[in-house]
């Protein structure tokens, strides 16, 4: 069985989520910091491909791929937790 892929997040979707977190920073400081971590991982994964290839470090390829997918995986996890009513996620409407 093939697992469901995380939703595709465009740059505009990433920006809308970031803007929501900035606007609600005082009410949701942990979410704000978690989203920053996701964006940092995303940038590290995007930038890390070239050095990994140049330095012939194939062990880094899966790490770069996981880092690039981190925001999408995080959004997918939050969607599932929100659907099960385990976590309330007010920013999910910015993804749609």
C-alpha atoms as a PDB file:
ATOM      1  CA  UNK A   1       0.000   0.000   0.000  1.00  0.00           C
ATOM      2  CA  UNK A   2       1.334   3.413  -0.977  1.00  0.00           C
ATOM      3  CA  UNK A   3       1.167   5.976   1.850  1.00  0.00           C
ATOM      4  CA  UNK A   4      -0.588   9.257   1.148  1.00  0.00           C
ATOM      5  CA  UNK A   5       1.747  11.983   0.066  1.00  0.00           C
ATOM      6  CA  UNK A   6       1.757  15.222   2.024  1.00  0.00           C
ATOM      7  CA  UNK A   7      -0.111  18.131   0.459  1.00  0.00           C
ATOM      8  CA  UNK A   8       1.854  20.246  -1.967  1.00  0.00           C
ATOM      9  CA  UNK A   9       2.706  23.571  -0.372  1.00  0.00           C
ATOM     10  CA  UNK A  10       3.456  26.402  -2.752  1.00  0.00           C
ATOM     11  CA  UNK A  11       5.497  29.409  -1.706  1.00  0.00           C
ATOM     12  CA  UNK A  12       2.302  31.450  -1.404  1.00  0.00           C
ATOM     13  CA  UNK A  13       0.815  28.856   0.966  1.00  0.00           C
ATOM     14  CA  UNK A  14       3.997  28.831   3.055  1.00  0.00           C
ATOM     15  CA  UNK A  15       3.840  32.618   3.180  1.00  0.00           C
ATOM     16  CA  UNK A  16       0.156  32.686   4.184  1.00  0.00           C
ATOM     17  CA  UNK A  17       0.824  30.260   7.039  1.00  0.00           C
ATOM     18  CA  UNK A  18       3.819  32.337   8.141  1.00  0.00           C
ATOM     19  CA  UNK A  19       1.754  35.533   8.065  1.00  0.00           C
ATOM     20  CA  UNK A  20      -0.909  33.882  10.230  1.00  0.00           C
ATOM     21  CA  UNK A  21       1.744  32.804  12.738  1.00  0.00           C
ATOM     22  CA  UNK A  22       3.259  36.285  12.830  1.00  0.00           C
ATOM     23  CA  UNK A  23      -0.170  37.862  13.352  1.00  0.00           C
ATOM     24  CA  UNK A  24      -0.995  35.433  16.196  1.00  0.00           C
ATOM     25  CA  UNK A  25       2.490  35.190  17.689  1.00  0.00           C
ATOM     26  CA  UNK A  26       1.472  36.367  21.155  1.00  0.00           C
ATOM     27  CA  UNK A  27      -1.446  33.911  21.382  1.00  0.00           C
ATOM     28  CA  UNK A  28       0.403  30.900  19.926  1.00  0.00           C
ATOM     29  CA  UNK A  29       4.151  31.300  20.611  1.00  0.00           C
ATOM     30  CA  UNK A  30       4.958  27.585  20.391  1.00  0.00           C
ATOM     31  CA  UNK A  31       3.221  27.220  17.034  1.00  0.00           C
ATOM     32  CA  UNK A  32       5.103  30.283  15.813  1.00  0.00           C
ATOM     33  CA  UNK A  33       8.436  28.705  16.768  1.00  0.00           C
ATOM     34  CA  UNK A  34       7.511  25.296  15.338  1.00  0.00           C
ATOM     35  CA  UNK A  35       6.626  26.843  12.002  1.00  0.00           C
ATOM     36  CA  UNK A  36       9.962  28.690  11.982  1.00  0.00           C
ATOM     37  CA  UNK A  37      11.715  25.347  12.523  1.00  0.00           C
ATOM     38  CA  UNK A  38       9.785  23.848   9.589  1.00  0.00           C
ATOM     39  CA  UNK A  39      10.818  26.745   7.345  1.00  0.00           C
ATOM     40  CA  UNK A  40      14.450  26.470   8.453  1.00  0.00           C
ATOM     41  CA  UNK A  41      14.433  22.752   7.650  1.00  0.00           C
ATOM     42  CA  UNK A  42      12.844  23.482   4.267  1.00  0.00           C
ATOM     43  CA  UNK A  43      15.550  26.009   3.377  1.00  0.00           C
ATOM     44  CA  UNK A  44      18.315  23.698   4.623  1.00  0.00           C
ATOM     45  CA  UNK A  45      16.954  20.868   2.486  1.00  0.00           C
ATOM     46  CA  UNK A  46      16.651  23.056  -0.608  1.00  0.00           C
ATOM     47  CA  UNK A  47      20.133  24.512  -0.213  1.00  0.00           C
ATOM     48  CA  UNK A  48      21.753  21.255   0.930  1.00  0.00           C
ATOM     49  CA  UNK A  49      21.262  19.339  -2.322  1.00  0.00           C
ATOM     50  CA  UNK A  50      24.095  21.029  -4.176  1.00  0.00           C
ATOM     51  CA  UNK A  51      26.765  20.637  -1.469  1.00  0.00           C
ATOM     52  CA  UNK A  52      25.679  17.032  -0.896  1.00  0.00           C
ATOM     53  CA  UNK A  53      26.058  16.306  -4.601  1.00  0.00           C
ATOM     54  CA  UNK A  54      29.287  18.295  -4.964  1.00  0.00           C
ATOM     55  CA  UNK A  55      30.921  16.677  -1.946  1.00  0.00           C
ATOM     56  CA  UNK A  56      29.729  13.217  -3.040  1.00  0.00           C
ATOM     57  CA  UNK A  57      27.723  12.606   0.127  1.00  0.00           C
ATOM     58  CA  UNK A  58      24.834  10.368  -0.950  1.00  0.00           C
ATOM     59  CA  UNK A  59      23.962   9.730   2.697  1.00  0.00           C
ATOM     60  CA  UNK A  60      22.743  13.354   2.839  1.00  0.00           C
ATOM     61  CA  UNK A  61      20.213  12.975   0.006  1.00  0.00           C
ATOM     62  CA  UNK A  62      17.474  11.412   2.164  1.00  0.00           C
ATOM     63  CA  UNK A  63      18.080  14.037   4.853  1.00  0.00           C
ATOM     64  CA  UNK A  64      17.685  16.817   2.302  1.00  0.00           C
ATOM     65  CA  UNK A  65      14.510  15.230   0.960  1.00  0.00           C
ATOM     66  CA  UNK A  66      13.061  14.872   4.452  1.00  0.00           C
ATOM     67  CA  UNK A  67      13.941  18.477   5.238  1.00  0.00           C
ATOM     68  CA  UNK A  68      12.274  19.707   2.037  1.00  0.00           C
ATOM     69  CA  UNK A  69       9.130  17.739   2.912  1.00  0.00           C
ATOM     70  CA  UNK A  70       9.122  18.820   6.579  1.00  0.00           C
ATOM     71  CA  UNK A  71       6.563  21.664   6.229  1.00  0.00           C
ATOM     72  CA  UNK A  72       4.205  19.488   4.175  1.00  0.00           C
ATOM     73  CA  UNK A  73       4.515  16.612   6.623  1.00  0.00           C
ATOM     74  CA  UNK A  74       3.888  18.970   9.524  1.00  0.00           C
ATOM     75  CA  UNK A  75       0.770  20.394   7.865  1.00  0.00           C
ATOM     76  CA  UNK A  76      -0.489  16.875   7.121  1.00  0.00           C
ATOM     77  CA  UNK A  77       0.066  15.837  10.747  1.00  0.00           C
ATOM     78  CA  UNK A  78      -1.754  18.944  11.999  1.00  0.00           C
ATOM     79  CA  UNK A  79      -4.655  18.312   9.615  1.00  0.00           C
ATOM     80  CA  UNK A  80      -5.035  14.771  10.885  1.00  0.00           C
ATOM     81  CA  UNK A  81      -4.788  15.811  14.539  1.00  0.00           C
ATOM     82  CA  UNK A  82      -7.338  18.578  13.946  1.00  0.00           C
ATOM     83  CA  UNK A  83      -9.711  16.170  12.197  1.00  0.00           C
ATOM     84  CA  UNK A  84      -9.475  13.775  15.164  1.00  0.00           C
ATOM     85  CA  UNK A  85     -10.039  16.732  17.508  1.00  0.00           C
ATOM     86  CA  UNK A  86      -6.770  16.120  19.332  1.00  0.00           C
ATOM     87  CA  UNK A  87      -5.325  19.540  18.462  1.00  0.00           C
ATOM     88  CA  UNK A  88      -7.048  22.715  17.461  1.00  0.00           C
ATOM     89  CA  UNK A  89      -5.444  24.281  14.440  1.00  0.00           C
ATOM     90  CA  UNK A  90      -6.752  27.736  13.577  1.00  0.00           C
ATOM     91  CA  UNK A  91      -4.395  28.319  10.659  1.00  0.00           C
ATOM     92  CA  UNK A  92      -5.485  25.351   8.548  1.00  0.00           C
ATOM     93  CA  UNK A  93      -7.884  27.491   6.543  1.00  0.00           C
ATOM     94  CA  UNK A  94      -4.880  29.398   5.151  1.00  0.00           C
ATOM     95  CA  UNK A  95      -3.632  26.207   3.481  1.00  0.00           C
ATOM     96  CA  UNK A  96      -6.756  25.659   1.370  1.00  0.00           C
END
